Amino acid sequence: MKTRSDIEVMIPNQLVSWFMIGGYSYYVLGDRVMQDPDFDYLVLRLKEHWDEIDHPHKKLITESHLDAATAYDIDYPTIAKCSAYNYLREISEGR
């Protein structure tokens, strides 16, 4: 699973990707790629670096998502869905 130390070294655009992967895993698949405090830390870093981010899926994240630290109602892009499935498979296989 992704941890705070993983999140600390993510570049700003990676934060968007992991916000999507984390949200899809939790809200749609009912599984986790990180614990709640780690997701909260990811959201904090997203807020801190918001103006630096030029990720193509940034537009899917609203200020209310960040204020509530939630991604429950996002229209997840296919790449986030596939990445979530792949990462969950990797951690379940113990890689």
C-alpha atoms as a PDB file:
ATOM      1  CA  MET A   1       0.000   0.000   0.000  1.00  0.00           C
ATOM      2  CA  LYS A   2       1.047   3.575  -0.565  1.00  0.00           C
ATOM      3  CA  THR A   3       2.250   5.266   2.602  1.00  0.00           C
ATOM      4  CA  ARG A   4       2.955   8.782   3.757  1.00  0.00           C
ATOM      5  CA  SER A   5       6.612   8.337   2.858  1.00  0.00           C
ATOM      6  CA  ASP A   6       5.598   7.337  -0.697  1.00  0.00           C
ATOM      7  CA  ILE A   7       3.373  10.401  -0.929  1.00  0.00           C
ATOM      8  CA  GLU A   8       6.106  12.719   0.377  1.00  0.00           C
ATOM      9  CA  VAL A   9       8.272  12.027  -2.673  1.00  0.00           C
ATOM     10  CA  MET A  10       5.529  12.210  -5.305  1.00  0.00           C
ATOM     11  CA  ILE A  11       5.787  15.027  -7.803  1.00  0.00           C
ATOM     12  CA  PRO A  12       2.665  17.229  -8.009  1.00  0.00           C
ATOM     13  CA  ASN A  13       1.205  15.514 -11.102  1.00  0.00           C
ATOM     14  CA  GLN A  14       1.561  12.090  -9.442  1.00  0.00           C
ATOM     15  CA  LEU A  15      -0.650  13.354  -6.620  1.00  0.00           C
ATOM     16  CA  VAL A  16      -3.517  13.734  -9.089  1.00  0.00           C
ATOM     17  CA  SER A  17      -3.006  10.215 -10.409  1.00  0.00           C
ATOM     18  CA  TRP A  18      -2.964   8.691  -6.920  1.00  0.00           C
ATOM     19  CA  PHE A  19      -5.983  10.757  -5.862  1.00  0.00           C
ATOM     20  CA  MET A  20      -7.868   9.151  -8.755  1.00  0.00           C
ATOM     21  CA  ILE A  21      -6.493   5.661  -8.112  1.00  0.00           C
ATOM     22  CA  GLY A  22      -7.190   5.938  -4.394  1.00  0.00           C
ATOM     23  CA  GLY A  23     -10.709   7.254  -4.895  1.00  0.00           C
ATOM     24  CA  TYR A  24     -11.654   4.658  -7.480  1.00  0.00           C
ATOM     25  CA  SER A  25     -10.254   1.823  -5.374  1.00  0.00           C
ATOM     26  CA  TYR A  26     -12.080   2.948  -2.255  1.00  0.00           C
ATOM     27  CA  TYR A  27     -15.405   4.246  -3.552  1.00  0.00           C
ATOM     28  CA  VAL A  28     -15.985   1.974  -6.516  1.00  0.00           C
ATOM     29  CA  LEU A  29     -14.044  -1.201  -5.807  1.00  0.00           C
ATOM     30  CA  GLY A  30     -14.404  -1.145  -2.019  1.00  0.00           C
ATOM     31  CA  ASP A  31     -10.673  -1.676  -1.509  1.00  0.00           C
ATOM     32  CA  ARG A  32      -7.766   0.518  -0.456  1.00  0.00           C
ATOM     33  CA  VAL A  33      -4.458   1.481  -1.974  1.00  0.00           C
ATOM     34  CA  MET A  34      -3.636   3.594   1.103  1.00  0.00           C
ATOM     35  CA  GLN A  35      -4.959   4.145   4.597  1.00  0.00           C
ATOM     36  CA  ASP A  36      -7.283   7.094   5.323  1.00  0.00           C
ATOM     37  CA  PRO A  37      -4.614   9.253   7.046  1.00  0.00           C
ATOM     38  CA  ASP A  38      -2.333   8.731   4.050  1.00  0.00           C
ATOM     39  CA  PHE A  39      -5.101   9.751   1.636  1.00  0.00           C
ATOM     40  CA  ASP A  40      -5.702  12.839   3.794  1.00  0.00           C
ATOM     41  CA  TYR A  41      -1.999  13.655   3.540  1.00  0.00           C
ATOM     42  CA  LEU A  42      -2.152  13.217  -0.234  1.00  0.00           C
ATOM     43  CA  VAL A  43      -5.037  15.709  -0.339  1.00  0.00           C
ATOM     44  CA  LEU A  44      -3.044  18.159   1.782  1.00  0.00           C
ATOM     45  CA  ARG A  45      -0.127  17.926  -0.649  1.00  0.00           C
ATOM     46  CA  LEU A  46      -2.512  18.339  -3.596  1.00  0.00           C
ATOM     47  CA  LYS A  47      -3.787  21.582  -2.066  1.00  0.00           C
ATOM     48  CA  GLU A  48      -0.246  22.816  -1.400  1.00  0.00           C
ATOM     49  CA  HIS A  49       0.901  22.163  -4.977  1.00  0.00           C
ATOM     50  CA  TRP A  50      -2.355  22.866  -6.831  1.00  0.00           C
ATOM     51  CA  ASP A  51      -0.979  25.772  -8.868  1.00  0.00           C
ATOM     52  CA  GLU A  52       1.995  23.697 -10.061  1.00  0.00           C
ATOM     53  CA  ILE A  53      -0.139  20.843 -11.403  1.00  0.00           C
ATOM     54  CA  ASP A  54      -0.793  20.513 -15.122  1.00  0.00           C
ATOM     55  CA  HIS A  55      -2.095  16.935 -15.095  1.00  0.00           C
ATOM     56  CA  PRO A  56      -4.809  16.348 -17.734  1.00  0.00           C
ATOM     57  CA  HIS A  57      -7.231  15.005 -15.096  1.00  0.00           C
ATOM     58  CA  LYS A  58      -6.824  17.941 -12.711  1.00  0.00           C
ATOM     59  CA  LYS A  59     -10.044  19.388 -14.100  1.00  0.00           C
ATOM     60  CA  LEU A  60     -11.988  16.423 -12.654  1.00  0.00           C
ATOM     61  CA  ILE A  61     -11.044  17.417  -9.106  1.00  0.00           C
ATOM     62  CA  THR A  62     -12.981  20.278  -7.552  1.00  0.00           C
ATOM     63  CA  GLU A  63     -12.241  22.424  -4.543  1.00  0.00           C
ATOM     64  CA  SER A  64     -15.079  20.674  -2.712  1.00  0.00           C
ATOM     65  CA  HIS A  65     -13.367  17.310  -3.314  1.00  0.00           C
ATOM     66  CA  LEU A  66     -10.234  18.641  -1.683  1.00  0.00           C
ATOM     67  CA  ASP A  67     -12.067  20.381   1.172  1.00  0.00           C
ATOM     68  CA  ALA A  68     -13.919  17.171   2.031  1.00  0.00           C
ATOM     69  CA  ALA A  69     -10.920  14.924   1.219  1.00  0.00           C
ATOM     70  CA  THR A  70     -13.171  12.751  -0.909  1.00  0.00           C
ATOM     71  CA  ALA A  71     -13.317  11.475  -4.466  1.00  0.00           C
ATOM     72  CA  TYR A  72     -16.651   9.667  -4.291  1.00  0.00           C
ATOM     73  CA  ASP A  73     -18.399  11.367  -7.202  1.00  0.00           C
ATOM     74  CA  ILE A  74     -15.640  11.672  -9.775  1.00  0.00           C
ATOM     75  CA  ASP A  75     -16.088  10.402 -13.316  1.00  0.00           C
ATOM     76  CA  TYR A  76     -12.896   8.344 -13.210  1.00  0.00           C
ATOM     77  CA  PRO A  77     -10.869   8.112 -16.400  1.00  0.00           C
ATOM     78  CA  THR A  78     -10.108   4.660 -17.765  1.00  0.00           C
ATOM     79  CA  ILE A  79      -6.405   4.962 -16.992  1.00  0.00           C
ATOM     80  CA  ALA A  80      -7.176   5.517 -13.284  1.00  0.00           C
ATOM     81  CA  LYS A  81      -9.451   2.479 -13.263  1.00  0.00           C
ATOM     82  CA  CYS A  82      -6.861   0.256 -14.926  1.00  0.00           C
ATOM     83  CA  SER A  83      -4.099   1.574 -12.682  1.00  0.00           C
ATOM     84  CA  ALA A  84      -6.195   0.856  -9.595  1.00  0.00           C
ATOM     85  CA  TYR A  85      -6.888  -2.713 -10.697  1.00  0.00           C
ATOM     86  CA  ASN A  86      -3.227  -3.296 -11.541  1.00  0.00           C
ATOM     87  CA  TYR A  87      -1.933  -1.846  -8.277  1.00  0.00           C
ATOM     88  CA  LEU A  88      -4.441  -3.773  -6.162  1.00  0.00           C
ATOM     89  CA  ARG A  89      -3.418  -6.956  -7.962  1.00  0.00           C
ATOM     90  CA  GLU A  90       0.250  -6.211  -7.298  1.00  0.00           C
ATOM     91  CA  ILE A  91      -0.242  -5.630  -3.582  1.00  0.00           C
ATOM     92  CA  SER A  92      -2.447  -8.714  -3.245  1.00  0.00           C
ATOM     93  CA  GLU A  93       0.299 -10.799  -4.869  1.00  0.00           C
ATOM     94  CA  GLY A  94       2.816  -9.347  -2.427  1.00  0.00           C
ATOM     95  CA  ARG A  95       5.019  -7.552  -4.901  1.00  0.00           C
END
